[in-house]
Amino acid sequence: MPFLVFSEESRQQTDYANKKDEIFARIKQAASEVQTLSGEFSQEKHLEILEKVSVSRGKFFYKTPDSLRWEINEPVATGFIVTGDKGKKWRGKAGARQSFELKKEPVIKIITDQILSWSRADFNRLESGYNITVLEENPVTLKLVPLSVAEKKYIDHIKLIFSSTENYVSTIEIHEAGGDYTQIKFFDMTINQPLQEDLF
């Protein structure tokens, strides 16, 4: 029985591998029509040393090609804005903004890279940094294993689940090398609605 299960999983993975280009083409076409994206998210931090899951909630705003605003409203107000490789972050509703370089903020960089790359369906960039496997086709579910030795020290893999329309990612799971993981779920999404310039 274990052998049969393994064989079935292997066959499915082979089928998905053969369809990867087709699946990527669908996502690229859907993403090409997205100019702005906004919505709410819940972020769960699962730590092996704690039974209780840490949950935070907030909003995000994306504007093509490389602008992202990420606000956590609960339990503590924090956030960041990224445009290109520069950003600003804050803590507290009236917190002063601190400038930063994206490459020096690994957690922010991972979130930003995933949202921007998949919003633009930038597969060249993604496949240069990750080995990408299709786990499911409906909904499209991908597993990204980092190629960088430096990133492998703290990230084991990233799991992405796409919306039914395939034009945005509905769930991101960032699995750390030590076993902890962060799950981000997006909801109440709005596509191609005008965004205020001062958001970024």
N, C-alpha and C. Protein backbone atom coordinates (compact mmCIF):
# COMPACT_ATOMS: atom_id res chain seq x y z
N MET A 1 0.81 -1.22 0.00
CA MET A 1 0.00 0.00 0.00
C MET A 1 0.85 1.27 0.00
N PRO A 2 1.86 1.41 0.89
CA PRO A 2 2.71 2.60 0.83
C PRO A 2 3.34 2.79 -0.55
N PHE A 3 3.72 1.69 -1.19
CA PHE A 3 4.34 1.78 -2.52
C PHE A 3 3.35 2.33 -3.53
N LEU A 4 2.08 1.87 -3.43
CA LEU A 4 1.05 2.33 -4.37
C LEU A 4 0.78 3.82 -4.19
N VAL A 5 0.73 4.25 -2.92
CA VAL A 5 0.52 5.67 -2.64
C VAL A 5 1.67 6.49 -3.18
N PHE A 6 2.89 6.02 -2.96
CA PHE A 6 4.07 6.72 -3.44
C PHE A 6 4.05 6.81 -4.97
N SER A 7 3.67 5.71 -5.61
CA SER A 7 3.65 5.68 -7.07
C SER A 7 2.62 6.67 -7.61
N GLU A 8 1.47 6.75 -6.95
CA GLU A 8 0.42 7.67 -7.38
C GLU A 8 0.88 9.12 -7.23
N GLU A 9 1.53 9.42 -6.09
CA GLU A 9 2.05 10.77 -5.88
C GLU A 9 3.10 11.11 -6.92
N SER A 10 3.97 10.15 -7.22
CA SER A 10 5.02 10.38 -8.21
C SER A 10 4.42 10.64 -9.59
N ARG A 11 3.36 9.89 -9.92
CA ARG A 11 2.71 10.06 -11.22
C ARG A 11 2.08 11.44 -11.32
N GLN A 12 1.42 11.86 -10.23
CA GLN A 12 0.80 13.18 -10.22
C GLN A 12 1.85 14.27 -10.37
N GLN A 13 2.96 14.14 -9.65
CA GLN A 13 4.02 15.14 -9.76
C GLN A 13 4.57 15.21 -11.18
N THR A 14 4.70 14.04 -11.83
CA THR A 14 5.17 14.02 -13.22
C THR A 14 4.18 14.72 -14.13
N ASP A 15 2.88 14.45 -13.93
CA ASP A 15 1.84 15.10 -14.74
C ASP A 15 1.89 16.61 -14.56
N TYR A 16 2.01 17.07 -13.30
CA TYR A 16 2.06 18.50 -13.04
C TYR A 16 3.32 19.12 -13.64
N ALA A 17 4.44 18.39 -13.57
CA ALA A 17 5.69 18.90 -14.13
C ALA A 17 5.55 19.10 -15.63
N ASN A 18 4.86 18.18 -16.29
CA ASN A 18 4.65 18.29 -17.73
C ASN A 18 3.73 19.47 -18.09
N LYS A 19 2.89 19.88 -17.13
CA LYS A 19 1.95 20.97 -17.39
C LYS A 19 2.42 22.30 -16.80
N LYS A 20 3.63 22.32 -16.22
CA LYS A 20 4.08 23.53 -15.53
C LYS A 20 4.11 24.74 -16.46
N ASP A 21 4.62 24.58 -17.67
CA ASP A 21 4.67 25.70 -18.61
C ASP A 21 3.27 26.22 -18.92
N GLU A 22 2.32 25.30 -19.07
CA GLU A 22 0.94 25.69 -19.36
C GLU A 22 0.33 26.45 -18.18
N ILE A 23 0.59 25.94 -16.97
CA ILE A 23 0.07 26.59 -15.76
C ILE A 23 0.69 27.97 -15.59
N PHE A 24 1.99 28.07 -15.79
CA PHE A 24 2.66 29.37 -15.69
C PHE A 24 2.13 30.35 -16.72
N ALA A 25 1.85 29.88 -17.92
CA ALA A 25 1.33 30.75 -18.98
C ALA A 25 -0.04 31.30 -18.59
N ARG A 26 -0.87 30.46 -17.96
CA ARG A 26 -2.19 30.91 -17.51
C ARG A 26 -2.06 32.00 -16.45
N ILE A 27 -1.16 31.77 -15.49
CA ILE A 27 -0.96 32.73 -14.41
C ILE A 27 -0.41 34.05 -14.98
N LYS A 28 0.52 33.94 -15.90
CA LYS A 28 1.12 35.14 -16.50
C LYS A 28 0.07 35.98 -17.23
N GLN A 29 -0.81 35.31 -17.96
CA GLN A 29 -1.88 36.01 -18.67
C GLN A 29 -2.82 36.70 -17.69
N ALA A 30 -3.21 35.99 -16.63
CA ALA A 30 -4.11 36.57 -15.64
C ALA A 30 -3.46 37.73 -14.91
N ALA A 31 -2.19 37.59 -14.56
CA ALA A 31 -1.47 38.64 -13.81
C ALA A 31 -1.23 39.88 -14.66
N SER A 32 -1.10 39.70 -15.97
CA SER A 32 -0.80 40.83 -16.85
C SER A 32 -1.93 41.86 -16.86
N GLU A 33 -3.11 41.46 -16.43
CA GLU A 33 -4.26 42.35 -16.43
C GLU A 33 -4.41 43.10 -15.11
N VAL A 34 -3.54 42.82 -14.14
CA VAL A 34 -3.63 43.45 -12.82
C VAL A 34 -2.68 44.65 -12.74
N GLN A 35 -3.24 45.82 -12.51
CA GLN A 35 -2.45 47.04 -12.34
C GLN A 35 -2.37 47.44 -10.86
N THR A 36 -3.46 47.25 -10.14
CA THR A 36 -3.47 47.51 -8.70
C THR A 36 -4.20 46.36 -8.00
N LEU A 37 -3.82 46.15 -6.75
CA LEU A 37 -4.40 45.07 -5.97
C LEU A 37 -4.42 45.52 -4.51
N SER A 38 -5.52 45.30 -3.85
CA SER A 38 -5.59 45.66 -2.43
C SER A 38 -6.54 44.70 -1.73
N GLY A 39 -6.38 44.62 -0.42
CA GLY A 39 -7.24 43.72 0.34
C GLY A 39 -6.79 43.62 1.77
N GLU A 40 -7.34 42.65 2.46
CA GLU A 40 -6.99 42.41 3.86
C GLU A 40 -6.28 41.07 3.98
N PHE A 41 -5.59 40.88 5.09
CA PHE A 41 -4.90 39.62 5.30
C PHE A 41 -4.89 39.26 6.78
N SER A 42 -4.77 37.96 7.03
CA SER A 42 -4.49 37.47 8.38
C SER A 42 -3.16 36.75 8.32
N GLN A 43 -2.36 36.95 9.32
CA GLN A 43 -1.00 36.38 9.36
C GLN A 43 -0.85 35.56 10.63
N GLU A 44 -0.61 34.26 10.46
CA GLU A 44 -0.45 33.36 11.60
C GLU A 44 0.99 32.90 11.70
N LYS A 45 1.54 33.04 12.89
CA LYS A 45 2.90 32.59 13.16
C LYS A 45 2.83 31.33 14.01
N HIS A 46 3.28 30.20 13.44
CA HIS A 46 3.25 28.92 14.14
C HIS A 46 4.66 28.60 14.65
N LEU A 47 4.81 28.58 15.98
CA LEU A 47 6.11 28.31 16.60
C LEU A 47 6.05 26.97 17.33
N GLU A 48 7.05 26.14 17.09
CA GLU A 48 7.07 24.82 17.72
C GLU A 48 7.12 24.91 19.25
N ILE A 49 7.73 25.96 19.77
CA ILE A 49 7.89 26.06 21.22
C ILE A 49 6.63 26.61 21.91
N LEU A 50 5.65 27.09 21.11
CA LEU A 50 4.42 27.64 21.68
C LEU A 50 3.21 26.92 21.13
N GLU A 51 2.27 26.58 22.02
CA GLU A 51 1.04 25.93 21.56
C GLU A 51 0.11 26.94 20.92
N LYS A 52 0.09 28.15 21.44
CA LYS A 52 -0.81 29.18 20.93
C LYS A 52 -0.24 29.82 19.68
N VAL A 53 -1.08 29.95 18.66
CA VAL A 53 -0.67 30.57 17.39
C VAL A 53 -0.76 32.09 17.53
N SER A 54 0.29 32.78 17.09
CA SER A 54 0.29 34.24 17.09
C SER A 54 -0.41 34.74 15.82
N VAL A 55 -1.46 35.53 15.98
CA VAL A 55 -2.26 35.99 14.84
C VAL A 55 -2.23 37.51 14.76
N SER A 56 -2.01 38.03 13.57
CA SER A 56 -2.11 39.47 13.33
C SER A 56 -2.94 39.68 12.06
N ARG A 57 -3.51 40.87 11.95
CA ARG A 57 -4.37 41.19 10.82
C ARG A 57 -4.05 42.57 10.28
N GLY A 58 -4.30 42.74 9.00
CA GLY A 58 -4.01 44.04 8.43
C GLY A 58 -4.50 44.20 7.00
N LYS A 59 -3.95 45.21 6.32
CA LYS A 59 -4.32 45.51 4.95
C LYS A 59 -3.06 45.66 4.10
N PHE A 60 -3.21 45.48 2.80
CA PHE A 60 -2.08 45.70 1.91
C PHE A 60 -2.57 46.37 0.62
N PHE A 61 -1.62 47.04 -0.04
CA PHE A 61 -1.91 47.74 -1.29
C PHE A 61 -0.73 47.53 -2.23
N TYR A 62 -1.02 47.14 -3.45
CA TYR A 62 0.02 46.92 -4.46
C TYR A 62 -0.29 47.74 -5.71
N LYS A 63 0.76 48.33 -6.26
CA LYS A 63 0.62 49.06 -7.52
C LYS A 63 1.79 48.69 -8.42
N THR A 64 1.46 48.29 -9.66
CA THR A 64 2.51 47.92 -10.59
C THR A 64 3.41 49.12 -10.88
N PRO A 65 4.73 48.94 -11.06
CA PRO A 65 5.39 47.65 -11.12
C PRO A 65 5.99 47.16 -9.79
N ASP A 66 6.28 48.08 -8.83
CA ASP A 66 7.06 47.63 -7.67
C ASP A 66 6.75 48.38 -6.38
N SER A 67 5.48 48.76 -6.20
CA SER A 67 5.10 49.48 -4.97
C SER A 67 4.20 48.61 -4.11
N LEU A 68 4.54 48.52 -2.82
CA LEU A 68 3.76 47.70 -1.89
C LEU A 68 3.67 48.41 -0.55
N ARG A 69 2.47 48.46 -0.02
CA ARG A 69 2.24 48.96 1.34
C ARG A 69 1.63 47.83 2.15
N TRP A 70 2.21 47.56 3.32
CA TRP A 70 1.82 46.43 4.17
C TRP A 70 1.57 46.97 5.56
N GLU A 71 0.31 46.92 6.03
CA GLU A 71 -0.06 47.47 7.33
C GLU A 71 -0.62 46.37 8.23
N ILE A 72 -0.06 46.20 9.41
CA ILE A 72 -0.63 45.33 10.42
C ILE A 72 -1.36 46.21 11.43
N ASN A 73 -2.64 45.95 11.63
CA ASN A 73 -3.46 46.77 12.53
C ASN A 73 -3.68 46.11 13.89
N GLU A 74 -3.65 44.78 13.92
CA GLU A 74 -3.84 44.02 15.17
C GLU A 74 -2.75 42.97 15.28
N PRO A 75 -2.24 42.69 16.45
CA PRO A 75 -2.54 43.32 17.74
C PRO A 75 -1.77 44.63 17.97
N VAL A 76 -0.69 44.83 17.21
CA VAL A 76 0.11 46.06 17.33
C VAL A 76 0.25 46.68 15.96
N ALA A 77 0.03 47.98 15.87
CA ALA A 77 0.12 48.67 14.58
C ALA A 77 1.58 48.77 14.14
N THR A 78 1.90 48.14 13.01
CA THR A 78 3.22 48.23 12.39
C THR A 78 3.00 48.22 10.88
N GLY A 79 4.05 48.52 10.15
CA GLY A 79 3.89 48.46 8.70
C GLY A 79 5.15 48.86 7.96
N PHE A 80 5.07 48.68 6.64
CA PHE A 80 6.18 49.12 5.79
C PHE A 80 5.67 49.45 4.40
N ILE A 81 6.45 50.28 3.73
CA ILE A 81 6.20 50.63 2.34
C ILE A 81 7.48 50.32 1.56
N VAL A 82 7.34 49.66 0.43
CA VAL A 82 8.50 49.36 -0.41
C VAL A 82 8.23 49.85 -1.82
N THR A 83 9.22 50.54 -2.38
CA THR A 83 9.20 50.91 -3.79
C THR A 83 10.58 50.60 -4.33
N GLY A 84 10.64 49.63 -5.26
CA GLY A 84 11.94 49.20 -5.75
C GLY A 84 12.70 48.48 -4.66
N ASP A 85 13.97 48.89 -4.43
CA ASP A 85 14.78 48.23 -3.40
C ASP A 85 14.91 49.06 -2.13
N LYS A 86 14.08 50.10 -2.01
CA LYS A 86 14.10 50.96 -0.82
C LYS A 86 12.76 50.88 -0.11
N GLY A 87 12.78 51.18 1.18
CA GLY A 87 11.52 51.13 1.91
C GLY A 87 11.52 51.99 3.15
N LYS A 88 10.36 52.07 3.76
CA LYS A 88 10.20 52.75 5.04
C LYS A 88 9.31 51.88 5.92
N LYS A 89 9.63 51.84 7.21
CA LYS A 89 8.84 51.05 8.14
C LYS A 89 8.50 51.88 9.37
N TRP A 90 7.47 51.44 10.10
CA TRP A 90 7.06 52.17 11.30
C TRP A 90 6.45 51.20 12.30
N ARG A 91 6.36 51.66 13.53
CA ARG A 91 5.72 50.89 14.61
C ARG A 91 4.85 51.85 15.40
N GLY A 92 3.58 51.46 15.60
CA GLY A 92 2.63 52.35 16.26
C GLY A 92 1.91 53.22 15.25
N LYS A 93 0.69 53.61 15.59
CA LYS A 93 -0.11 54.39 14.65
C LYS A 93 0.52 55.73 14.29
N ALA A 94 1.25 56.30 15.24
CA ALA A 94 1.90 57.59 14.98
C ALA A 94 3.41 57.45 14.96
N GLY A 95 3.89 56.22 14.71
CA GLY A 95 5.32 55.97 14.75
C GLY A 95 6.08 56.65 13.63
N ALA A 96 7.27 57.13 13.95
CA ALA A 96 8.11 57.76 12.93
C ALA A 96 8.58 56.71 11.93
N ARG A 97 8.67 57.10 10.68
CA ARG A 97 9.09 56.17 9.64
C ARG A 97 10.62 56.09 9.56
N GLN A 98 11.10 54.87 9.46
CA GLN A 98 12.54 54.63 9.34
C GLN A 98 12.83 54.06 7.96
N SER A 99 13.80 54.64 7.29
CA SER A 99 14.17 54.17 5.96
C SER A 99 15.02 52.91 6.07
N PHE A 100 14.93 52.03 5.08
CA PHE A 100 15.75 50.82 5.08
C PHE A 100 16.01 50.36 3.65
N GLU A 101 17.04 49.52 3.52
CA GLU A 101 17.31 48.86 2.24
C GLU A 101 16.71 47.47 2.31
N LEU A 102 15.99 47.10 1.26
CA LEU A 102 15.24 45.84 1.28
C LEU A 102 16.14 44.63 1.54
N LYS A 103 17.34 44.63 1.00
CA LYS A 103 18.22 43.47 1.15
C LYS A 103 18.66 43.24 2.60
N LYS A 104 18.49 44.26 3.46
CA LYS A 104 18.89 44.14 4.86
C LYS A 104 17.73 43.76 5.78
N GLU A 105 16.54 43.53 5.20
CA GLU A 105 15.36 43.15 5.98
C GLU A 105 14.81 41.84 5.40
N PRO A 106 15.36 40.68 5.81
CA PRO A 106 15.02 39.40 5.15
C PRO A 106 13.54 39.04 5.17
N VAL A 107 12.83 39.26 6.28
CA VAL A 107 11.41 38.90 6.34
C VAL A 107 10.60 39.79 5.41
N ILE A 108 10.84 41.10 5.48
CA ILE A 108 10.15 42.03 4.59
C ILE A 108 10.47 41.70 3.13
N LYS A 109 11.73 41.35 2.88
CA LYS A 109 12.15 41.04 1.51
C LYS A 109 11.40 39.82 0.96
N ILE A 110 11.24 38.79 1.79
CA ILE A 110 10.54 37.58 1.33
C ILE A 110 9.09 37.91 0.99
N ILE A 111 8.40 38.61 1.89
CA ILE A 111 7.00 38.98 1.64
C ILE A 111 6.89 39.82 0.38
N THR A 112 7.75 40.84 0.28
CA THR A 112 7.72 41.74 -0.87
C THR A 112 8.04 41.01 -2.16
N ASP A 113 9.10 40.20 -2.15
CA ASP A 113 9.49 39.47 -3.36
C ASP A 113 8.36 38.56 -3.86
N GLN A 114 7.72 37.86 -2.93
CA GLN A 114 6.65 36.95 -3.34
C GLN A 114 5.46 37.70 -3.92
N ILE A 115 5.01 38.74 -3.23
CA ILE A 115 3.84 39.47 -3.71
C ILE A 115 4.14 40.18 -5.03
N LEU A 116 5.29 40.86 -5.13
CA LEU A 116 5.62 41.57 -6.37
C LEU A 116 5.88 40.61 -7.52
N SER A 117 6.62 39.55 -7.25
CA SER A 117 6.96 38.61 -8.33
C SER A 117 5.73 37.92 -8.88
N TRP A 118 4.83 37.50 -7.98
CA TRP A 118 3.64 36.81 -8.46
C TRP A 118 2.61 37.76 -9.00
N SER A 119 2.58 39.00 -8.52
CA SER A 119 1.68 39.99 -9.10
C SER A 119 2.08 40.32 -10.54
N ARG A 120 3.39 40.23 -10.81
CA ARG A 120 3.89 40.49 -12.16
C ARG A 120 4.11 39.20 -12.94
N ALA A 121 3.94 38.05 -12.26
CA ALA A 121 4.22 36.74 -12.87
C ALA A 121 5.62 36.74 -13.48
N ASP A 122 6.59 37.19 -12.67
CA ASP A 122 7.98 37.31 -13.12
C ASP A 122 8.69 35.97 -12.90
N PHE A 123 8.46 35.02 -13.80
CA PHE A 123 8.99 33.67 -13.62
C PHE A 123 10.50 33.60 -13.79
N ASN A 124 11.06 34.47 -14.62
CA ASN A 124 12.52 34.47 -14.78
C ASN A 124 13.19 34.78 -13.45
N ARG A 125 12.67 35.77 -12.75
CA ARG A 125 13.23 36.15 -11.45
C ARG A 125 13.01 35.04 -10.42
N LEU A 126 11.81 34.48 -10.41
CA LEU A 126 11.49 33.45 -9.43
C LEU A 126 12.31 32.18 -9.64
N GLU A 127 12.42 31.74 -10.88
CA GLU A 127 13.15 30.49 -11.13
C GLU A 127 14.65 30.65 -11.03
N SER A 128 15.13 31.89 -11.02
CA SER A 128 16.55 32.10 -10.79
C SER A 128 16.89 31.96 -9.31
N GLY A 129 15.85 32.05 -8.45
CA GLY A 129 16.09 31.97 -7.01
C GLY A 129 15.49 30.75 -6.33
N TYR A 130 14.59 30.04 -7.05
CA TYR A 130 13.89 28.92 -6.42
C TYR A 130 13.71 27.76 -7.40
N ASN A 131 13.71 26.56 -6.84
CA ASN A 131 13.26 25.39 -7.57
C ASN A 131 11.75 25.30 -7.34
N ILE A 132 10.95 25.43 -8.41
CA ILE A 132 9.50 25.53 -8.28
C ILE A 132 8.84 24.22 -8.73
N THR A 133 8.02 23.66 -7.84
CA THR A 133 7.29 22.43 -8.13
C THR A 133 5.79 22.71 -8.04
N VAL A 134 5.01 22.17 -8.98
CA VAL A 134 3.56 22.28 -8.94
C VAL A 134 3.02 21.13 -8.08
N LEU A 135 2.36 21.46 -6.97
CA LEU A 135 1.79 20.45 -6.08
C LEU A 135 0.36 20.10 -6.45
N GLU A 136 -0.40 21.10 -6.86
CA GLU A 136 -1.79 20.91 -7.26
C GLU A 136 -2.10 21.86 -8.41
N GLU A 137 -3.11 21.49 -9.21
CA GLU A 137 -3.51 22.37 -10.31
C GLU A 137 -4.79 23.13 -10.01
N ASN A 138 -5.64 22.60 -9.14
CA ASN A 138 -6.91 23.25 -8.85
C ASN A 138 -7.20 23.20 -7.35
N PRO A 139 -6.95 24.29 -6.60
CA PRO A 139 -6.32 25.52 -7.09
C PRO A 139 -4.82 25.32 -7.32
N VAL A 140 -4.22 26.17 -8.14
CA VAL A 140 -2.79 26.06 -8.39
C VAL A 140 -2.04 26.25 -7.08
N THR A 141 -1.24 25.24 -6.74
CA THR A 141 -0.45 25.25 -5.50
C THR A 141 0.99 24.95 -5.85
N LEU A 142 1.89 25.83 -5.46
CA LEU A 142 3.30 25.70 -5.81
C LEU A 142 4.17 25.60 -4.57
N LYS A 143 5.27 24.87 -4.70
CA LYS A 143 6.28 24.79 -3.64
C LYS A 143 7.58 25.38 -4.19
N LEU A 144 8.14 26.34 -3.47
CA LEU A 144 9.37 27.00 -3.86
C LEU A 144 10.47 26.65 -2.87
N VAL A 145 11.52 26.04 -3.34
CA VAL A 145 12.67 25.72 -2.50
C VAL A 145 13.81 26.64 -2.89
N PRO A 146 14.35 27.42 -1.94
CA PRO A 146 15.40 28.38 -2.29
C PRO A 146 16.67 27.71 -2.80
N LEU A 147 17.32 28.34 -3.76
CA LEU A 147 18.58 27.86 -4.30
C LEU A 147 19.76 28.49 -3.57
N SER A 148 19.54 29.66 -3.01
CA SER A 148 20.60 30.38 -2.32
C SER A 148 20.97 29.70 -1.01
N VAL A 149 22.26 29.47 -0.80
CA VAL A 149 22.74 28.87 0.45
C VAL A 149 22.40 29.77 1.63
N ALA A 150 22.51 31.08 1.43
CA ALA A 150 22.21 32.03 2.50
C ALA A 150 20.74 31.95 2.90
N GLU A 151 19.84 31.88 1.92
CA GLU A 151 18.41 31.83 2.22
C GLU A 151 18.02 30.50 2.84
N LYS A 152 18.69 29.43 2.43
CA LYS A 152 18.39 28.10 2.97
C LYS A 152 18.65 28.02 4.47
N LYS A 153 19.48 28.91 4.99
CA LYS A 153 19.78 28.88 6.41
C LYS A 153 18.55 29.18 7.25
N TYR A 154 17.61 29.97 6.71
CA TYR A 154 16.42 30.29 7.49
C TYR A 154 15.11 29.94 6.80
N ILE A 155 15.13 29.60 5.50
CA ILE A 155 13.91 29.21 4.80
C ILE A 155 14.07 27.81 4.21
N ASP A 156 13.16 26.90 4.60
CA ASP A 156 13.15 25.56 4.02
C ASP A 156 12.41 25.57 2.69
N HIS A 157 11.20 26.12 2.69
CA HIS A 157 10.45 26.25 1.45
C HIS A 157 9.31 27.24 1.64
N ILE A 158 8.74 27.66 0.52
CA ILE A 158 7.59 28.56 0.51
C ILE A 158 6.48 27.87 -0.28
N LYS A 159 5.28 27.91 0.26
CA LYS A 159 4.13 27.31 -0.42
C LYS A 159 3.16 28.41 -0.81
N LEU A 160 2.70 28.38 -2.06
CA LEU A 160 1.78 29.38 -2.56
C LEU A 160 0.51 28.72 -3.07
N ILE A 161 -0.64 29.29 -2.72
CA ILE A 161 -1.91 28.82 -3.26
C ILE A 161 -2.57 30.00 -3.97
N PHE A 162 -2.98 29.79 -5.21
CA PHE A 162 -3.57 30.87 -6.00
C PHE A 162 -5.09 30.90 -5.85
N SER A 163 -5.65 32.06 -6.14
CA SER A 163 -7.10 32.22 -6.16
C SER A 163 -7.68 31.43 -7.34
N SER A 164 -8.99 31.24 -7.34
CA SER A 164 -9.64 30.50 -8.42
C SER A 164 -9.48 31.21 -9.76
N THR A 165 -9.31 32.54 -9.73
CA THR A 165 -9.12 33.32 -10.96
C THR A 165 -7.65 33.35 -11.41
N GLU A 166 -6.77 32.89 -10.55
CA GLU A 166 -5.34 32.75 -10.83
C GLU A 166 -4.61 34.07 -11.09
N ASN A 167 -5.24 35.19 -10.73
CA ASN A 167 -4.56 36.47 -10.94
C ASN A 167 -3.97 37.06 -9.65
N TYR A 168 -4.06 36.32 -8.55
CA TYR A 168 -3.35 36.71 -7.34
C TYR A 168 -3.19 35.49 -6.43
N VAL A 169 -2.24 35.59 -5.52
CA VAL A 169 -1.98 34.52 -4.54
C VAL A 169 -2.93 34.70 -3.37
N SER A 170 -3.64 33.64 -3.00
CA SER A 170 -4.59 33.74 -1.89
C SER A 170 -3.98 33.32 -0.56
N THR A 171 -2.93 32.48 -0.60
CA THR A 171 -2.26 32.03 0.63
C THR A 171 -0.76 31.89 0.39
N ILE A 172 0.02 32.39 1.33
CA ILE A 172 1.47 32.21 1.32
C ILE A 172 1.86 31.52 2.63
N GLU A 173 2.64 30.46 2.54
CA GLU A 173 3.21 29.83 3.73
C GLU A 173 4.72 29.87 3.62
N ILE A 174 5.37 30.46 4.62
CA ILE A 174 6.83 30.54 4.66
C ILE A 174 7.31 29.58 5.74
N HIS A 175 7.91 28.46 5.32
CA HIS A 175 8.36 27.43 6.25
C HIS A 175 9.86 27.63 6.53
N GLU A 176 10.17 27.83 7.80
CA GLU A 176 11.54 28.09 8.19
C GLU A 176 12.31 26.78 8.36
N ALA A 177 13.61 26.87 8.30
CA ALA A 177 14.47 25.69 8.39
C ALA A 177 14.29 24.95 9.73
N GLY A 178 13.95 25.67 10.78
CA GLY A 178 13.80 25.05 12.10
C GLY A 178 12.45 24.43 12.36
N GLY A 179 11.50 24.56 11.43
CA GLY A 179 10.18 23.96 11.61
C GLY A 179 9.05 24.96 11.83
N ASP A 180 9.37 26.17 12.27
CA ASP A 180 8.34 27.20 12.42
C ASP A 180 7.86 27.64 11.04
N TYR A 181 6.63 28.14 10.99
CA TYR A 181 6.17 28.68 9.71
C TYR A 181 5.16 29.80 9.91
N THR A 182 5.07 30.64 8.90
CA THR A 182 4.14 31.76 8.88
C THR A 182 3.16 31.55 7.73
N GLN A 183 1.88 31.67 8.02
CA GLN A 183 0.85 31.53 6.98
C GLN A 183 0.12 32.87 6.83
N ILE A 184 0.05 33.36 5.60
CA ILE A 184 -0.64 34.61 5.30
C ILE A 184 -1.79 34.31 4.34
N LYS A 185 -3.01 34.66 4.75
CA LYS A 185 -4.18 34.47 3.91
C LYS A 185 -4.76 35.82 3.51
N PHE A 186 -5.10 35.97 2.23
CA PHE A 186 -5.65 37.22 1.71
C PHE A 186 -7.15 37.07 1.45
N PHE A 187 -7.90 38.14 1.72
CA PHE A 187 -9.34 38.10 1.47
C PHE A 187 -9.86 39.51 1.18
N ASP A 188 -11.12 39.58 0.74
CA ASP A 188 -11.75 40.85 0.35
C ASP A 188 -10.86 41.61 -0.64
N MET A 189 -10.41 40.91 -1.65
CA MET A 189 -9.48 41.49 -2.62
C MET A 189 -10.20 42.40 -3.63
N THR A 190 -9.54 43.49 -3.96
CA THR A 190 -10.04 44.42 -4.97
C THR A 190 -8.96 44.59 -6.03
N ILE A 191 -9.36 44.44 -7.29
CA ILE A 191 -8.40 44.48 -8.40
C ILE A 191 -8.68 45.67 -9.30
N ASN A 192 -7.61 46.38 -9.65
CA ASN A 192 -7.64 47.48 -10.64
C ASN A 192 -8.55 48.64 -10.25
N GLN A 193 -8.62 48.92 -8.94
CA GLN A 193 -9.29 50.12 -8.48
C GLN A 193 -8.23 51.19 -8.18
N PRO A 194 -8.51 52.47 -8.48
CA PRO A 194 -7.53 53.53 -8.22
C PRO A 194 -7.08 53.55 -6.76
N LEU A 195 -5.78 53.76 -6.54
CA LEU A 195 -5.24 53.85 -5.19
C LEU A 195 -4.69 55.27 -4.97
N GLN A 196 -4.82 55.75 -3.74
CA GLN A 196 -4.29 57.08 -3.42
C GLN A 196 -2.78 57.11 -3.56
N GLU A 197 -2.28 58.16 -4.17
CA GLU A 197 -0.84 58.28 -4.38
C GLU A 197 -0.06 58.31 -3.08
N ASP A 198 -0.66 58.91 -2.02
CA ASP A 198 0.10 59.04 -0.76
C ASP A 198 0.20 57.72 0.02
N LEU A 199 -0.41 56.64 -0.50
CA LEU A 199 -0.24 55.35 0.15
C LEU A 199 1.21 54.87 0.07
N PHE A 200 1.91 55.30 -0.98
CA PHE A 200 3.28 54.85 -1.20
C PHE A 200 4.29 55.98 -1.01
